[in-house]
């Protein structure tokens, strides 16, 4: 598993970690029962705080992607990809709605929002 952190991104580091691991689980690259790197090891590898990694792992567990066994580590759970994808789509839609409302309140036009999204998708 290779995680690349973008420090200049508006997405918090813990969310970048969470998103990458979720994507690998949904793609089948991380199979059920596989152990994730320890919090300390991943923090060391990424040169970030262990608390940031812990926050990402807690979020993964909360969303049903992993299970943490005290003293043993975090392990990938069986995931129904269709169900999880639908859940992720719903959460993404909710977040986009919030962002679009904020942008519109700031006077950003729908065309400008569309152009920003297109730039992000191309980036």
N, C-alpha and C. Protein backbone atom coordinates (compact mmCIF):
# COMPACT_ATOMS: atom_id res chain seq x y z
N UNK A 1 0.85 -1.18 0.00
CA UNK A 1 0.00 0.00 0.00
C UNK A 1 0.89 1.24 0.00
N UNK A 2 0.66 2.09 -0.96
CA UNK A 2 1.43 3.32 -1.05
C UNK A 2 0.49 4.51 -0.96
N UNK A 3 0.75 5.35 0.03
CA UNK A 3 -0.08 6.54 0.23
C UNK A 3 0.80 7.76 0.00
N UNK A 4 0.32 8.63 -0.87
CA UNK A 4 1.04 9.88 -1.14
C UNK A 4 0.21 11.01 -0.56
N UNK A 5 0.81 11.75 0.35
CA UNK A 5 0.13 12.86 1.00
C UNK A 5 0.41 14.15 0.23
N UNK A 6 -0.63 14.90 -0.02
CA UNK A 6 -0.49 16.21 -0.65
C UNK A 6 -0.67 17.27 0.44
N UNK A 7 0.44 17.81 0.90
CA UNK A 7 0.40 18.76 2.00
C UNK A 7 -0.25 20.09 1.61
N UNK A 8 -0.29 20.38 0.32
CA UNK A 8 -0.90 21.65 -0.12
C UNK A 8 -2.38 21.48 -0.47
N UNK A 9 -2.91 20.29 -0.25
CA UNK A 9 -4.32 20.03 -0.55
C UNK A 9 -5.23 20.63 0.52
N UNK A 10 -6.44 20.97 0.11
CA UNK A 10 -7.44 21.45 1.05
C UNK A 10 -8.05 20.29 1.84
N UNK A 11 -7.80 19.07 1.38
CA UNK A 11 -8.32 17.88 2.07
C UNK A 11 -7.38 17.56 3.23
N UNK A 12 -7.92 17.45 4.44
CA UNK A 12 -7.06 17.13 5.59
C UNK A 12 -6.30 15.82 5.37
N UNK A 13 -5.12 15.74 5.96
CA UNK A 13 -4.27 14.57 5.77
C UNK A 13 -4.97 13.28 6.19
N UNK A 14 -5.67 13.31 7.32
CA UNK A 14 -6.35 12.09 7.77
C UNK A 14 -7.39 11.63 6.76
N UNK A 15 -8.05 12.57 6.08
CA UNK A 15 -9.03 12.21 5.06
C UNK A 15 -8.35 11.64 3.82
N UNK A 16 -7.17 12.18 3.47
CA UNK A 16 -6.42 11.64 2.34
C UNK A 16 -6.07 10.18 2.61
N UNK A 17 -5.62 9.89 3.82
CA UNK A 17 -5.27 8.52 4.20
C UNK A 17 -6.51 7.63 4.13
N UNK A 18 -7.59 8.10 4.75
CA UNK A 18 -8.84 7.34 4.77
C UNK A 18 -9.33 7.06 3.36
N UNK A 19 -9.34 8.07 2.51
CA UNK A 19 -9.82 7.91 1.13
C UNK A 19 -8.99 6.91 0.35
N UNK A 20 -7.68 6.95 0.51
CA UNK A 20 -6.79 6.03 -0.21
C UNK A 20 -7.05 4.59 0.24
N UNK A 21 -7.15 4.38 1.54
CA UNK A 21 -7.36 3.03 2.04
C UNK A 21 -8.74 2.51 1.62
N UNK A 22 -9.76 3.36 1.70
CA UNK A 22 -11.10 2.96 1.25
C UNK A 22 -11.08 2.55 -0.22
N UNK A 23 -10.41 3.36 -1.03
CA UNK A 23 -10.34 3.07 -2.47
C UNK A 23 -9.68 1.72 -2.72
N UNK A 24 -8.62 1.43 -1.98
CA UNK A 24 -7.92 0.15 -2.16
C UNK A 24 -8.78 -1.02 -1.69
N UNK A 25 -9.54 -0.82 -0.62
CA UNK A 25 -10.43 -1.88 -0.14
C UNK A 25 -11.53 -2.14 -1.17
N UNK A 26 -12.16 -1.07 -1.66
CA UNK A 26 -13.24 -1.23 -2.63
C UNK A 26 -12.75 -1.82 -3.95
N UNK A 27 -11.49 -1.55 -4.30
CA UNK A 27 -10.92 -2.08 -5.54
C UNK A 27 -10.40 -3.51 -5.37
N UNK A 28 -10.44 -4.00 -4.13
CA UNK A 28 -9.96 -5.37 -3.88
C UNK A 28 -8.46 -5.48 -3.71
N UNK A 29 -7.77 -4.35 -3.67
CA UNK A 29 -6.32 -4.37 -3.49
C UNK A 29 -5.94 -4.69 -2.05
N UNK A 30 -6.83 -4.37 -1.13
CA UNK A 30 -6.67 -4.76 0.27
C UNK A 30 -7.81 -5.73 0.57
N UNK A 31 -7.48 -6.99 0.79
CA UNK A 31 -8.48 -8.02 0.96
C UNK A 31 -8.89 -8.17 2.42
N UNK A 32 -10.03 -8.81 2.61
CA UNK A 32 -10.53 -9.08 3.94
C UNK A 32 -9.46 -9.79 4.79
N UNK A 33 -9.27 -9.30 6.00
CA UNK A 33 -8.33 -9.91 6.92
C UNK A 33 -6.92 -9.36 6.84
N UNK A 34 -6.62 -8.61 5.79
CA UNK A 34 -5.27 -8.04 5.67
C UNK A 34 -5.05 -7.00 6.77
N UNK A 35 -3.84 -7.00 7.29
CA UNK A 35 -3.48 -6.02 8.33
C UNK A 35 -3.01 -4.73 7.68
N UNK A 36 -3.46 -3.62 8.24
CA UNK A 36 -2.94 -2.32 7.82
C UNK A 36 -1.63 -2.10 8.56
N UNK A 37 -0.77 -1.22 8.03
CA UNK A 37 0.45 -0.90 8.77
C UNK A 37 0.07 -0.35 10.15
N UNK A 38 0.94 -0.55 11.12
CA UNK A 38 0.65 0.00 12.45
C UNK A 38 0.57 1.52 12.36
N UNK A 39 -0.10 2.10 13.32
CA UNK A 39 -0.24 3.56 13.37
C UNK A 39 1.15 4.20 13.38
N UNK A 40 2.02 3.69 14.23
CA UNK A 40 3.37 4.26 14.33
C UNK A 40 4.15 4.11 13.03
N UNK A 41 4.05 2.92 12.40
CA UNK A 41 4.81 2.69 11.17
C UNK A 41 4.33 3.59 10.05
N UNK A 42 3.01 3.71 9.88
CA UNK A 42 2.49 4.56 8.81
C UNK A 42 2.84 6.02 9.07
N UNK A 43 2.75 6.44 10.32
CA UNK A 43 3.12 7.82 10.67
C UNK A 43 4.58 8.07 10.33
N UNK A 44 5.43 7.11 10.65
CA UNK A 44 6.87 7.24 10.36
C UNK A 44 7.10 7.28 8.84
N UNK A 45 6.45 6.38 8.11
CA UNK A 45 6.61 6.32 6.66
C UNK A 45 6.16 7.62 5.98
N UNK A 46 5.06 8.19 6.48
CA UNK A 46 4.51 9.41 5.86
C UNK A 46 5.07 10.69 6.47
N UNK A 47 5.85 10.52 7.54
CA UNK A 47 6.45 11.67 8.25
C UNK A 47 5.36 12.62 8.75
N UNK A 48 4.37 12.02 9.41
CA UNK A 48 3.28 12.80 9.99
C UNK A 48 3.04 12.31 11.42
N UNK A 49 2.15 12.99 12.11
CA UNK A 49 1.83 12.64 13.49
C UNK A 49 1.07 11.31 13.56
N UNK A 50 1.40 10.53 14.57
CA UNK A 50 0.67 9.28 14.81
C UNK A 50 -0.80 9.57 15.11
N UNK A 51 -1.09 10.71 15.70
CA UNK A 51 -2.48 11.07 16.00
C UNK A 51 -3.29 11.24 14.72
N UNK A 52 -2.65 11.74 13.67
CA UNK A 52 -3.32 11.90 12.38
C UNK A 52 -3.68 10.53 11.80
N UNK A 53 -2.74 9.60 11.86
CA UNK A 53 -3.00 8.24 11.36
C UNK A 53 -4.08 7.58 12.21
N UNK A 54 -4.01 7.76 13.51
CA UNK A 54 -5.01 7.18 14.42
C UNK A 54 -6.40 7.70 14.07
N UNK A 55 -6.50 8.99 13.77
CA UNK A 55 -7.79 9.58 13.40
C UNK A 55 -8.32 8.93 12.12
N UNK A 56 -7.43 8.70 11.15
CA UNK A 56 -7.83 8.05 9.90
C UNK A 56 -8.30 6.62 10.15
N UNK A 57 -7.55 5.88 10.97
CA UNK A 57 -7.92 4.50 11.28
C UNK A 57 -9.24 4.44 12.04
N UNK A 58 -9.46 5.38 12.96
CA UNK A 58 -10.72 5.42 13.70
C UNK A 58 -11.89 5.66 12.75
N UNK A 59 -11.70 6.54 11.79
CA UNK A 59 -12.75 6.84 10.82
C UNK A 59 -13.04 5.62 9.95
N UNK A 60 -12.01 4.90 9.54
CA UNK A 60 -12.20 3.69 8.75
C UNK A 60 -12.99 2.64 9.53
N UNK A 61 -12.69 2.54 10.81
CA UNK A 61 -13.42 1.58 11.64
C UNK A 61 -14.87 2.02 11.83
N UNK A 62 -15.07 3.30 12.06
CA UNK A 62 -16.40 3.85 12.26
C UNK A 62 -17.27 3.61 11.02
N UNK A 63 -16.67 3.67 9.85
CA UNK A 63 -17.42 3.49 8.61
C UNK A 63 -17.52 2.03 8.17
N UNK A 64 -16.96 1.12 8.98
CA UNK A 64 -17.12 -0.31 8.71
C UNK A 64 -16.14 -0.91 7.72
N UNK A 65 -15.04 -0.22 7.46
CA UNK A 65 -14.04 -0.75 6.53
C UNK A 65 -12.99 -1.60 7.23
N UNK A 66 -12.73 -1.29 8.50
CA UNK A 66 -11.69 -2.01 9.24
C UNK A 66 -12.19 -2.32 10.65
N UNK A 67 -11.41 -3.18 11.30
CA UNK A 67 -11.65 -3.47 12.71
C UNK A 67 -10.30 -3.43 13.40
N UNK A 68 -10.26 -2.77 14.54
CA UNK A 68 -9.03 -2.69 15.30
C UNK A 68 -9.10 -3.66 16.47
N UNK A 69 -8.06 -4.46 16.58
CA UNK A 69 -7.94 -5.40 17.69
C UNK A 69 -6.83 -4.88 18.58
N UNK A 70 -7.20 -4.54 19.82
CA UNK A 70 -6.23 -3.94 20.75
C UNK A 70 -4.99 -4.83 20.87
N UNK A 71 -3.84 -4.22 20.65
CA UNK A 71 -2.58 -4.93 20.77
C UNK A 71 -2.16 -5.70 19.52
N UNK A 72 -3.07 -5.79 18.54
CA UNK A 72 -2.76 -6.55 17.32
C UNK A 72 -2.73 -5.68 16.08
N UNK A 73 -3.59 -4.65 16.03
CA UNK A 73 -3.60 -3.77 14.87
C UNK A 73 -4.97 -3.64 14.24
N UNK A 74 -4.98 -3.04 13.07
CA UNK A 74 -6.22 -2.82 12.32
C UNK A 74 -6.25 -3.75 11.12
N UNK A 75 -7.42 -4.34 10.88
CA UNK A 75 -7.57 -5.33 9.83
C UNK A 75 -8.76 -4.98 8.94
N UNK A 76 -8.64 -5.30 7.66
CA UNK A 76 -9.68 -5.03 6.67
C UNK A 76 -10.85 -5.98 6.91
N UNK A 77 -12.05 -5.41 6.92
CA UNK A 77 -13.27 -6.21 7.05
C UNK A 77 -13.83 -6.55 5.67
N UNK A 78 -14.68 -7.57 5.64
CA UNK A 78 -15.37 -7.90 4.40
C UNK A 78 -16.29 -6.73 4.06
N UNK A 79 -16.27 -6.33 2.81
CA UNK A 79 -17.04 -5.17 2.40
C UNK A 79 -17.87 -5.53 1.18
N UNK A 80 -19.15 -5.22 1.25
CA UNK A 80 -20.00 -5.34 0.07
C UNK A 80 -19.74 -4.08 -0.75
N UNK A 81 -19.00 -4.21 -1.81
CA UNK A 81 -18.55 -3.06 -2.59
C UNK A 81 -19.71 -2.19 -3.08
N UNK A 82 -20.80 -2.82 -3.51
CA UNK A 82 -21.94 -2.04 -4.02
C UNK A 82 -22.57 -1.21 -2.92
N UNK A 83 -22.74 -1.81 -1.76
CA UNK A 83 -23.33 -1.09 -0.63
C UNK A 83 -22.43 0.05 -0.19
N UNK A 84 -21.14 -0.22 -0.05
CA UNK A 84 -20.21 0.81 0.38
C UNK A 84 -20.11 1.93 -0.65
N UNK A 85 -20.11 1.57 -1.93
CA UNK A 85 -20.03 2.59 -2.96
C UNK A 85 -21.26 3.49 -2.91
N UNK A 86 -22.43 2.90 -2.73
CA UNK A 86 -23.65 3.68 -2.64
C UNK A 86 -23.59 4.62 -1.43
N UNK A 87 -23.08 4.12 -0.32
CA UNK A 87 -22.93 4.94 0.88
C UNK A 87 -21.96 6.09 0.62
N UNK A 88 -20.85 5.79 -0.04
CA UNK A 88 -19.87 6.83 -0.34
C UNK A 88 -20.43 7.86 -1.31
N UNK A 89 -21.20 7.42 -2.28
CA UNK A 89 -21.83 8.35 -3.23
C UNK A 89 -22.79 9.29 -2.49
N UNK A 90 -23.57 8.73 -1.58
CA UNK A 90 -24.51 9.55 -0.82
C UNK A 90 -23.78 10.58 0.02
N UNK A 91 -22.72 10.16 0.72
CA UNK A 91 -21.96 11.09 1.56
C UNK A 91 -21.27 12.16 0.70
N UNK A 92 -20.77 11.76 -0.46
CA UNK A 92 -20.13 12.71 -1.36
C UNK A 92 -21.14 13.74 -1.85
N UNK A 93 -22.32 13.27 -2.18
CA UNK A 93 -23.37 14.20 -2.64
C UNK A 93 -23.71 15.20 -1.54
N UNK A 94 -23.84 14.72 -0.31
CA UNK A 94 -24.14 15.63 0.80
C UNK A 94 -23.05 16.69 0.95
N UNK A 95 -21.79 16.26 0.89
CA UNK A 95 -20.68 17.20 1.04
C UNK A 95 -20.64 18.19 -0.12
N UNK A 96 -20.90 17.72 -1.33
CA UNK A 96 -20.91 18.62 -2.48
C UNK A 96 -22.02 19.66 -2.36
N UNK A 97 -23.18 19.24 -1.86
CA UNK A 97 -24.28 20.18 -1.68
C UNK A 97 -23.89 21.30 -0.72
N UNK A 98 -23.22 20.95 0.36
CA UNK A 98 -22.77 21.95 1.33
C UNK A 98 -21.77 22.90 0.68
N UNK A 99 -20.83 22.36 -0.05
CA UNK A 99 -19.80 23.18 -0.70
C UNK A 99 -20.43 24.10 -1.74
N UNK A 100 -21.35 23.57 -2.53
CA UNK A 100 -21.98 24.38 -3.58
C UNK A 100 -22.80 25.52 -2.96
N UNK A 101 -23.51 25.23 -1.87
CA UNK A 101 -24.28 26.29 -1.19
C UNK A 101 -23.35 27.37 -0.67
N UNK A 102 -22.23 26.99 -0.09
CA UNK A 102 -21.25 27.97 0.41
C UNK A 102 -20.70 28.81 -0.74
N UNK A 103 -20.39 28.14 -1.84
CA UNK A 103 -19.85 28.86 -3.00
C UNK A 103 -20.87 29.84 -3.55
N UNK A 104 -22.12 29.42 -3.65
CA UNK A 104 -23.17 30.31 -4.16
C UNK A 104 -23.38 31.49 -3.22
N UNK A 105 -23.32 31.25 -1.92
CA UNK A 105 -23.46 32.35 -0.95
C UNK A 105 -22.31 33.34 -1.08
N UNK A 106 -21.16 32.85 -1.53
CA UNK A 106 -19.99 33.72 -1.71
C UNK A 106 -20.02 34.43 -3.07
N UNK A 107 -21.07 34.18 -3.85
CA UNK A 107 -21.20 34.85 -5.14
C UNK A 107 -20.55 34.13 -6.30
N UNK A 108 -20.14 32.91 -6.09
CA UNK A 108 -19.53 32.12 -7.18
C UNK A 108 -20.66 31.53 -8.02
N UNK A 109 -20.56 31.71 -9.32
CA UNK A 109 -21.61 31.23 -10.22
C UNK A 109 -21.52 29.72 -10.42
N UNK A 110 -22.63 29.15 -10.90
CA UNK A 110 -22.63 27.71 -11.19
C UNK A 110 -21.59 27.37 -12.25
N UNK A 111 -21.42 28.24 -13.22
CA UNK A 111 -20.42 28.02 -14.26
C UNK A 111 -19.02 27.97 -13.65
N UNK A 112 -18.74 28.89 -12.73
CA UNK A 112 -17.42 28.89 -12.08
C UNK A 112 -17.22 27.64 -11.22
N UNK A 113 -18.27 27.21 -10.56
CA UNK A 113 -18.18 25.98 -9.76
C UNK A 113 -17.89 24.79 -10.68
N UNK A 114 -18.61 24.73 -11.80
CA UNK A 114 -18.40 23.64 -12.76
C UNK A 114 -16.96 23.64 -13.28
N UNK A 115 -16.45 24.83 -13.59
CA UNK A 115 -15.08 24.94 -14.08
C UNK A 115 -14.07 24.50 -13.02
N UNK A 116 -14.33 24.86 -11.76
CA UNK A 116 -13.43 24.43 -10.68
C UNK A 116 -13.43 22.91 -10.54
N UNK A 117 -14.61 22.32 -10.59
CA UNK A 117 -14.70 20.87 -10.48
C UNK A 117 -13.97 20.20 -11.63
N UNK A 118 -14.15 20.75 -12.84
CA UNK A 118 -13.47 20.19 -14.01
C UNK A 118 -11.95 20.26 -13.85
N UNK A 119 -11.45 21.37 -13.35
CA UNK A 119 -9.99 21.53 -13.12
C UNK A 119 -9.50 20.51 -12.11
N UNK A 120 -10.27 20.31 -11.05
CA UNK A 120 -9.88 19.34 -10.03
C UNK A 120 -9.86 17.93 -10.61
N UNK A 121 -10.87 17.59 -11.41
CA UNK A 121 -10.93 16.26 -12.02
C UNK A 121 -9.77 16.02 -12.98
N UNK A 122 -9.34 17.07 -13.67
CA UNK A 122 -8.23 16.94 -14.61
C UNK A 122 -6.88 16.88 -13.90
N UNK A 123 -6.83 17.46 -12.70
CA UNK A 123 -5.57 17.56 -11.94
C UNK A 123 -5.17 16.28 -11.37
